[in-house]
């Protein structure tokens, strides 16, 4: 498991020719350590594309925005 990711976190799909249609897509992590075509990865859910899977290397965390109270 990659410790940079946790369930509920926002992630973005990296620029990668292997995942071209998904590049730049923002999604929320739904499950970790799921089987993928290239090994273990995670399942994420995008508002636009629905659920899909990818390896940990295909995603990068989206910085959390701290709100003012």
PDB file of N, CA and C in Angstrom:
ATOM      1  N   UNK A   1       0.851  -1.188   0.000  1.00  0.00           N
ATOM      2  CA  UNK A   1       0.000   0.000   0.000  1.00  0.00           C
ATOM      3  C   UNK A   1       0.886   1.236   0.000  1.00  0.00           C
ATOM      4  N   UNK A   2       0.488   2.231  -0.745  1.00  0.00           N
ATOM      5  CA  UNK A   2       1.216   3.493  -0.805  1.00  0.00           C
ATOM      6  C   UNK A   2       0.659   4.407   0.280  1.00  0.00           C
ATOM      7  N   UNK A   3       1.504   4.840   1.196  1.00  0.00           N
ATOM      8  CA  UNK A   3       1.037   5.621   2.344  1.00  0.00           C
ATOM      9  C   UNK A   3       0.692   7.061   1.998  1.00  0.00           C
ATOM     10  N   UNK A   4       0.957   7.501   0.765  1.00  0.00           N
ATOM     11  CA  UNK A   4       0.576   8.868   0.383  1.00  0.00           C
ATOM     12  C   UNK A   4      -0.921   8.988   0.156  1.00  0.00           C
ATOM     13  N   UNK A   5      -1.620   7.856   0.053  1.00  0.00           N
ATOM     14  CA  UNK A   5      -3.040   7.874  -0.287  1.00  0.00           C
ATOM     15  C   UNK A   5      -3.882   7.284   0.842  1.00  0.00           C
ATOM     16  N   UNK A   6      -5.123   7.793   0.965  1.00  0.00           N
ATOM     17  CA  UNK A   6      -6.079   7.242   1.915  1.00  0.00           C
ATOM     18  C   UNK A   6      -7.486   7.351   1.320  1.00  0.00           C
ATOM     19  N   UNK A   7      -8.380   6.502   1.787  1.00  0.00           N
ATOM     20  CA  UNK A   7      -9.756   6.497   1.305  1.00  0.00           C
ATOM     21  C   UNK A   7     -10.391   7.854   1.593  1.00  0.00           C
ATOM     22  N   UNK A   8     -11.098   8.387   0.598  1.00  0.00           N
ATOM     23  CA  UNK A   8     -11.753   9.682   0.728  1.00  0.00           C
ATOM     24  C   UNK A   8     -10.923  10.845   0.209  1.00  0.00           C
ATOM     25  N   UNK A   9      -9.659  10.599  -0.086  1.00  0.00           N
ATOM     26  CA  UNK A   9      -8.743  11.642  -0.546  1.00  0.00           C
ATOM     27  C   UNK A   9      -8.997  11.993  -2.014  1.00  0.00           C
ATOM     28  N   UNK A  10      -8.794  13.261  -2.361  1.00  0.00           N
ATOM     29  CA  UNK A  10      -8.850  13.667  -3.761  1.00  0.00           C
ATOM     30  C   UNK A  10      -7.501  13.435  -4.412  1.00  0.00           C
ATOM     31  N   UNK A  11      -7.542  12.859  -5.621  1.00  0.00           N
ATOM     32  CA  UNK A  11      -6.326  12.594  -6.385  1.00  0.00           C
ATOM     33  C   UNK A  11      -6.537  13.043  -7.826  1.00  0.00           C
ATOM     34  N   UNK A  12      -5.424  13.204  -8.537  1.00  0.00           N
ATOM     35  CA  UNK A  12      -5.487  13.555  -9.946  1.00  0.00           C
ATOM     36  C   UNK A  12      -4.694  12.516 -10.731  1.00  0.00           C
ATOM     37  N   UNK A  13      -5.220  12.150 -11.899  1.00  0.00           N
ATOM     38  CA  UNK A  13      -4.523  11.204 -12.764  1.00  0.00           C
ATOM     39  C   UNK A  13      -3.367  11.939 -13.432  1.00  0.00           C
ATOM     40  N   UNK A  14      -2.168  11.356 -13.322  1.00  0.00           N
ATOM     41  CA  UNK A  14      -0.969  11.961 -13.913  1.00  0.00           C
ATOM     42  C   UNK A  14      -1.030  11.910 -15.437  1.00  0.00           C
ATOM     43  N   UNK A  15      -0.237  12.771 -16.063  1.00  0.00           N
ATOM     44  CA  UNK A  15      -0.080  12.734 -17.516  1.00  0.00           C
ATOM     45  C   UNK A  15       0.693  11.471 -17.860  1.00  0.00           C
ATOM     46  N   UNK A  16       0.036  10.534 -18.500  1.00  0.00           N
ATOM     47  CA  UNK A  16       0.640   9.244 -18.810  1.00  0.00           C
ATOM     48  C   UNK A  16      -0.034   8.702 -20.065  1.00  0.00           C
ATOM     49  N   UNK A  17       0.726   8.372 -21.098  1.00  0.00           N
ATOM     50  CA  UNK A  17       0.114   7.875 -22.333  1.00  0.00           C
ATOM     51  C   UNK A  17      -0.717   6.604 -22.138  1.00  0.00           C
ATOM     52  N   UNK A  18      -0.396   5.816 -21.097  1.00  0.00           N
ATOM     53  CA  UNK A  18      -1.155   4.583 -20.846  1.00  0.00           C
ATOM     54  C   UNK A  18      -2.576   4.849 -20.367  1.00  0.00           C
ATOM     55  N   UNK A  19      -2.804   6.028 -19.809  1.00  0.00           N
ATOM     56  CA  UNK A  19      -4.144   6.356 -19.285  1.00  0.00           C
ATOM     57  C   UNK A  19      -4.660   7.646 -19.928  1.00  0.00           C
ATOM     58  N   UNK A  20      -4.342   7.830 -21.202  1.00  0.00           N
ATOM     59  CA  UNK A  20      -4.622   9.082 -21.905  1.00  0.00           C
ATOM     60  C   UNK A  20      -6.030   9.649 -21.679  1.00  0.00           C
ATOM     61  N   UNK A  21      -7.095   8.870 -21.808  1.00  0.00           N
ATOM     62  CA  UNK A  21      -8.419   9.497 -21.659  1.00  0.00           C
ATOM     63  C   UNK A  21      -8.688  10.027 -20.257  1.00  0.00           C
ATOM     64  N   UNK A  22      -7.919   9.566 -19.271  1.00  0.00           N
ATOM     65  CA  UNK A  22      -8.158   9.950 -17.880  1.00  0.00           C
ATOM     66  C   UNK A  22      -7.209  11.039 -17.377  1.00  0.00           C
ATOM     67  N   UNK A  23      -6.212  11.437 -18.151  1.00  0.00           N
ATOM     68  CA  UNK A  23      -5.209  12.408 -17.709  1.00  0.00           C
ATOM     69  C   UNK A  23      -5.852  13.687 -17.182  1.00  0.00           C
ATOM     70  N   UNK A  24      -5.399  14.118 -16.018  1.00  0.00           N
ATOM     71  CA  UNK A  24      -5.905  15.349 -15.427  1.00  0.00           C
ATOM     72  C   UNK A  24      -7.221  15.201 -14.697  1.00  0.00           C
ATOM     73  N   UNK A  25      -7.815  14.020 -14.740  1.00  0.00           N
ATOM     74  CA  UNK A  25      -9.108  13.804 -14.084  1.00  0.00           C
ATOM     75  C   UNK A  25      -8.936  13.833 -12.571  1.00  0.00           C
ATOM     76  N   UNK A  26      -9.843  14.528 -11.888  1.00  0.00           N
ATOM     77  CA  UNK A  26      -9.855  14.579 -10.429  1.00  0.00           C
ATOM     78  C   UNK A  26     -10.861  13.547  -9.944  1.00  0.00           C
ATOM     79  N   UNK A  27     -10.456  12.758  -8.966  1.00  0.00           N
ATOM     80  CA  UNK A  27     -11.333  11.706  -8.458  1.00  0.00           C
ATOM     81  C   UNK A  27     -11.085  11.526  -6.966  1.00  0.00           C
ATOM     82  N   UNK A  28     -12.007  10.823  -6.308  1.00  0.00           N
ATOM     83  CA  UNK A  28     -11.882  10.537  -4.882  1.00  0.00           C
ATOM     84  C   UNK A  28     -11.564   9.063  -4.697  1.00  0.00           C
ATOM     85  N   UNK A  29     -10.590   8.765  -3.822  1.00  0.00           N
ATOM     86  CA  UNK A  29     -10.180   7.385  -3.571  1.00  0.00           C
ATOM     87  C   UNK A  29     -11.321   6.633  -2.883  1.00  0.00           C
ATOM     88  N   UNK A  30     -11.701   5.477  -3.475  1.00  0.00           N
ATOM     89  CA  UNK A  30     -12.770   4.651  -2.912  1.00  0.00           C
ATOM     90  C   UNK A  30     -12.218   3.408  -2.211  1.00  0.00           C
ATOM     91  N   UNK A  31     -11.131   2.836  -2.741  1.00  0.00           N
ATOM     92  CA  UNK A  31     -10.551   1.620  -2.150  1.00  0.00           C
ATOM     93  C   UNK A  31      -9.069   1.546  -2.492  1.00  0.00           C
ATOM     94  N   UNK A  32      -8.301   0.989  -1.571  1.00  0.00           N
ATOM     95  CA  UNK A  32      -6.860   0.825  -1.762  1.00  0.00           C
ATOM     96  C   UNK A  32      -6.524  -0.656  -1.944  1.00  0.00           C
ATOM     97  N   UNK A  33      -5.370  -0.918  -2.533  1.00  0.00           N
ATOM     98  CA  UNK A  33      -4.863  -2.276  -2.727  1.00  0.00           C
ATOM     99  C   UNK A  33      -5.817  -3.168  -3.511  1.00  0.00           C
ATOM    100  N   UNK A  34      -6.370  -2.640  -4.586  1.00  0.00           N
ATOM    101  CA  UNK A  34      -7.230  -3.439  -5.466  1.00  0.00           C
ATOM    102  C   UNK A  34      -6.393  -3.952  -6.643  1.00  0.00           C
ATOM    103  N   UNK A  35      -6.727  -5.128  -7.157  1.00  0.00           N
ATOM    104  CA  UNK A  35      -5.982  -5.654  -8.309  1.00  0.00           C
ATOM    105  C   UNK A  35      -6.228  -4.806  -9.553  1.00  0.00           C
ATOM    106  N   UNK A  36      -5.150  -4.471 -10.254  1.00  0.00           N
ATOM    107  CA  UNK A  36      -5.213  -3.717 -11.503  1.00  0.00           C
ATOM    108  C   UNK A  36      -4.460  -4.501 -12.571  1.00  0.00           C
ATOM    109  N   UNK A  37      -4.520  -4.034 -13.800  1.00  0.00           N
ATOM    110  CA  UNK A  37      -3.823  -4.720 -14.884  1.00  0.00           C
ATOM    111  C   UNK A  37      -2.317  -4.775 -14.633  1.00  0.00           C
ATOM    112  N   UNK A  38      -1.761  -3.759 -13.990  1.00  0.00           N
ATOM    113  CA  UNK A  38      -0.308  -3.694 -13.766  1.00  0.00           C
ATOM    114  C   UNK A  38       0.090  -3.951 -12.318  1.00  0.00           C
ATOM    115  N   UNK A  39      -0.723  -4.670 -11.566  1.00  0.00           N
ATOM    116  CA  UNK A  39      -0.402  -4.963 -10.170  1.00  0.00           C
ATOM    117  C   UNK A  39      -1.462  -4.423  -9.230  1.00  0.00           C
ATOM    118  N   UNK A  40      -1.043  -3.995  -8.049  1.00  0.00           N
ATOM    119  CA  UNK A  40      -1.983  -3.424  -7.081  1.00  0.00           C
ATOM    120  C   UNK A  40      -2.094  -1.924  -7.285  1.00  0.00           C
ATOM    121  N   UNK A  41      -3.262  -1.402  -6.987  1.00  0.00           N
ATOM    122  CA  UNK A  41      -3.498   0.030  -7.118  1.00  0.00           C
ATOM    123  C   UNK A  41      -4.700   0.426  -6.295  1.00  0.00           C
ATOM    124  N   UNK A  42      -5.463   1.363  -6.823  1.00  0.00           N
ATOM    125  CA  UNK A  42      -6.635   1.817  -6.096  1.00  0.00           C
ATOM    126  C   UNK A  42      -7.798   2.058  -7.041  1.00  0.00           C
ATOM    127  N   UNK A  43      -8.989   2.009  -6.463  1.00  0.00           N
ATOM    128  CA  UNK A  43     -10.196   2.358  -7.208  1.00  0.00           C
ATOM    129  C   UNK A  43     -10.590   3.763  -6.798  1.00  0.00           C
ATOM    130  N   UNK A  44     -10.901   4.584  -7.778  1.00  0.00           N
ATOM    131  CA  UNK A  44     -11.305   5.960  -7.519  1.00  0.00           C
ATOM    132  C   UNK A  44     -12.639   6.215  -8.214  1.00  0.00           C
ATOM    133  N   UNK A  45     -13.328   7.267  -7.784  1.00  0.00           N
ATOM    134  CA  UNK A  45     -14.609   7.633  -8.379  1.00  0.00           C
ATOM    135  C   UNK A  45     -14.549   9.090  -8.798  1.00  0.00           C
ATOM    136  N   UNK A  46     -14.838   9.311 -10.071  1.00  0.00           N
ATOM    137  CA  UNK A  46     -14.865  10.650 -10.645  1.00  0.00           C
ATOM    138  C   UNK A  46     -16.310  11.047 -10.891  1.00  0.00           C
ATOM    139  N   UNK A  47     -16.646  12.312 -10.665  1.00  0.00           N
ATOM    140  CA  UNK A  47     -17.998  12.790 -10.957  1.00  0.00           C
ATOM    141  C   UNK A  47     -18.332  12.642 -12.433  1.00  0.00           C
ATOM    142  N   UNK A  48     -17.346  12.832 -13.277  1.00  0.00           N
ATOM    143  CA  UNK A  48     -17.581  12.818 -14.727  1.00  0.00           C
ATOM    144  C   UNK A  48     -17.510  11.417 -15.327  1.00  0.00           C
ATOM    145  N   UNK A  49     -16.555  10.591 -14.855  1.00  0.00           N
ATOM    146  CA  UNK A  49     -16.317   9.286 -15.469  1.00  0.00           C
ATOM    147  C   UNK A  49     -16.783   8.099 -14.640  1.00  0.00           C
ATOM    148  N   UNK A  50     -17.195   8.325 -13.402  1.00  0.00           N
ATOM    149  CA  UNK A  50     -17.605   7.223 -12.542  1.00  0.00           C
ATOM    150  C   UNK A  50     -16.399   6.505 -11.966  1.00  0.00           C
ATOM    151  N   UNK A  51     -16.570   5.241 -11.547  1.00  0.00           N
ATOM    152  CA  UNK A  51     -15.464   4.516 -10.932  1.00  0.00           C
ATOM    153  C   UNK A  51     -14.484   3.972 -11.966  1.00  0.00           C
ATOM    154  N   UNK A  52     -13.196   4.000 -11.613  1.00  0.00           N
ATOM    155  CA  UNK A  52     -12.166   3.351 -12.426  1.00  0.00           C
ATOM    156  C   UNK A  52     -10.973   3.034 -11.541  1.00  0.00           C
ATOM    157  N   UNK A  53     -10.092   2.159 -12.037  1.00  0.00           N
ATOM    158  CA  UNK A  53      -8.941   1.699 -11.268  1.00  0.00           C
ATOM    159  C   UNK A  53      -7.645   2.119 -11.938  1.00  0.00           C
ATOM    160  N   UNK A  54      -6.592   2.216 -11.146  1.00  0.00           N
ATOM    161  CA  UNK A  54      -5.262   2.506 -11.670  1.00  0.00           C
ATOM    162  C   UNK A  54      -4.215   2.167 -10.631  1.00  0.00           C
ATOM    163  N   UNK A  55      -2.978   2.081 -11.076  1.00  0.00           N
ATOM    164  CA  UNK A  55      -1.888   1.810 -10.135  1.00  0.00           C
ATOM    165  C   UNK A  55      -1.585   3.082  -9.349  1.00  0.00           C
ATOM    166  N   UNK A  56      -0.932   2.905  -8.224  1.00  0.00           N
ATOM    167  CA  UNK A  56      -0.577   4.065  -7.398  1.00  0.00           C
ATOM    168  C   UNK A  56       0.269   5.066  -8.174  1.00  0.00           C
ATOM    169  N   UNK A  57       1.136   4.568  -9.057  1.00  0.00           N
ATOM    170  CA  UNK A  57       2.030   5.447  -9.811  1.00  0.00           C
ATOM    171  C   UNK A  57       1.281   6.338 -10.798  1.00  0.00           C
ATOM    172  N   UNK A  58       0.043   5.996 -11.133  1.00  0.00           N
ATOM    173  CA  UNK A  58      -0.718   6.784 -12.105  1.00  0.00           C
ATOM    174  C   UNK A  58      -1.464   7.954 -11.471  1.00  0.00           C
ATOM    175  N   UNK A  59      -1.386   8.084 -10.151  1.00  0.00           N
ATOM    176  CA  UNK A  59      -2.112   9.146  -9.449  1.00  0.00           C
ATOM    177  C   UNK A  59      -1.155  10.010  -8.648  1.00  0.00           C
ATOM    178  N   UNK A  60      -1.588  11.236  -8.409  1.00  0.00           N
ATOM    179  CA  UNK A  60      -0.872  12.102  -7.469  1.00  0.00           C
ATOM    180  C   UNK A  60      -1.904  12.763  -6.567  1.00  0.00           C
ATOM    181  N   UNK A  61      -1.552  12.966  -5.294  1.00  0.00           N
ATOM    182  CA  UNK A  61      -2.496  13.589  -4.363  1.00  0.00           C
ATOM    183  C   UNK A  61      -2.797  15.033  -4.769  1.00  0.00           C
ATOM    184  N   UNK A  62      -4.027  15.445  -4.557  1.00  0.00           N
ATOM    185  CA  UNK A  62      -4.407  16.843  -4.742  1.00  0.00           C
ATOM    186  C   UNK A  62      -4.225  17.519  -3.387  1.00  0.00           C
ATOM    187  N   UNK A  63      -3.495  18.630  -3.331  1.00  0.00           N
ATOM    188  CA  UNK A  63      -3.289  19.293  -2.035  1.00  0.00           C
ATOM    189  C   UNK A  63      -4.624  19.668  -1.386  1.00  0.00           C
ATOM    190  N   UNK A  64      -4.722  19.376  -0.106  1.00  0.00           N
ATOM    191  CA  UNK A  64      -5.934  19.709   0.652  1.00  0.00           C
ATOM    192  C   UNK A  64      -5.996  21.223   0.850  1.00  0.00           C
ATOM    193  N   UNK A  65      -7.142  21.783   0.620  1.00  0.00           N
ATOM    194  CA  UNK A  65      -7.332  23.220   0.808  1.00  0.00           C
ATOM    195  C   UNK A  65      -7.850  23.462   2.218  1.00  0.00           C
ATOM    196  N   UNK A  66      -7.100  24.196   2.990  1.00  0.00           N
ATOM    197  CA  UNK A  66      -7.549  24.520   4.348  1.00  0.00           C
ATOM    198  C   UNK A  66      -8.525  25.705   4.290  1.00  0.00           C
ATOM    199  N   UNK A  67      -9.660  25.551   4.902  1.00  0.00           N
ATOM    200  CA  UNK A  67     -10.672  26.608   4.890  1.00  0.00           C
ATOM    201  C   UNK A  67     -10.531  27.539   6.081  1.00  0.00           C
ATOM    202  N   UNK A  68     -11.097  28.695   5.938  1.00  0.00           N
ATOM    203  CA  UNK A  68     -11.133  29.642   7.067  1.00  0.00           C
ATOM    204  C   UNK A  68     -12.427  29.454   7.825  1.00  0.00           C
ATOM    205  N   UNK A  69     -12.327  29.594   9.129  1.00  0.00           N
ATOM    206  CA  UNK A  69     -13.542  29.452   9.949  1.00  0.00           C
ATOM    207  C   UNK A  69     -13.872  30.754  10.595  1.00  0.00           C
TER     208      UNK A  69
END
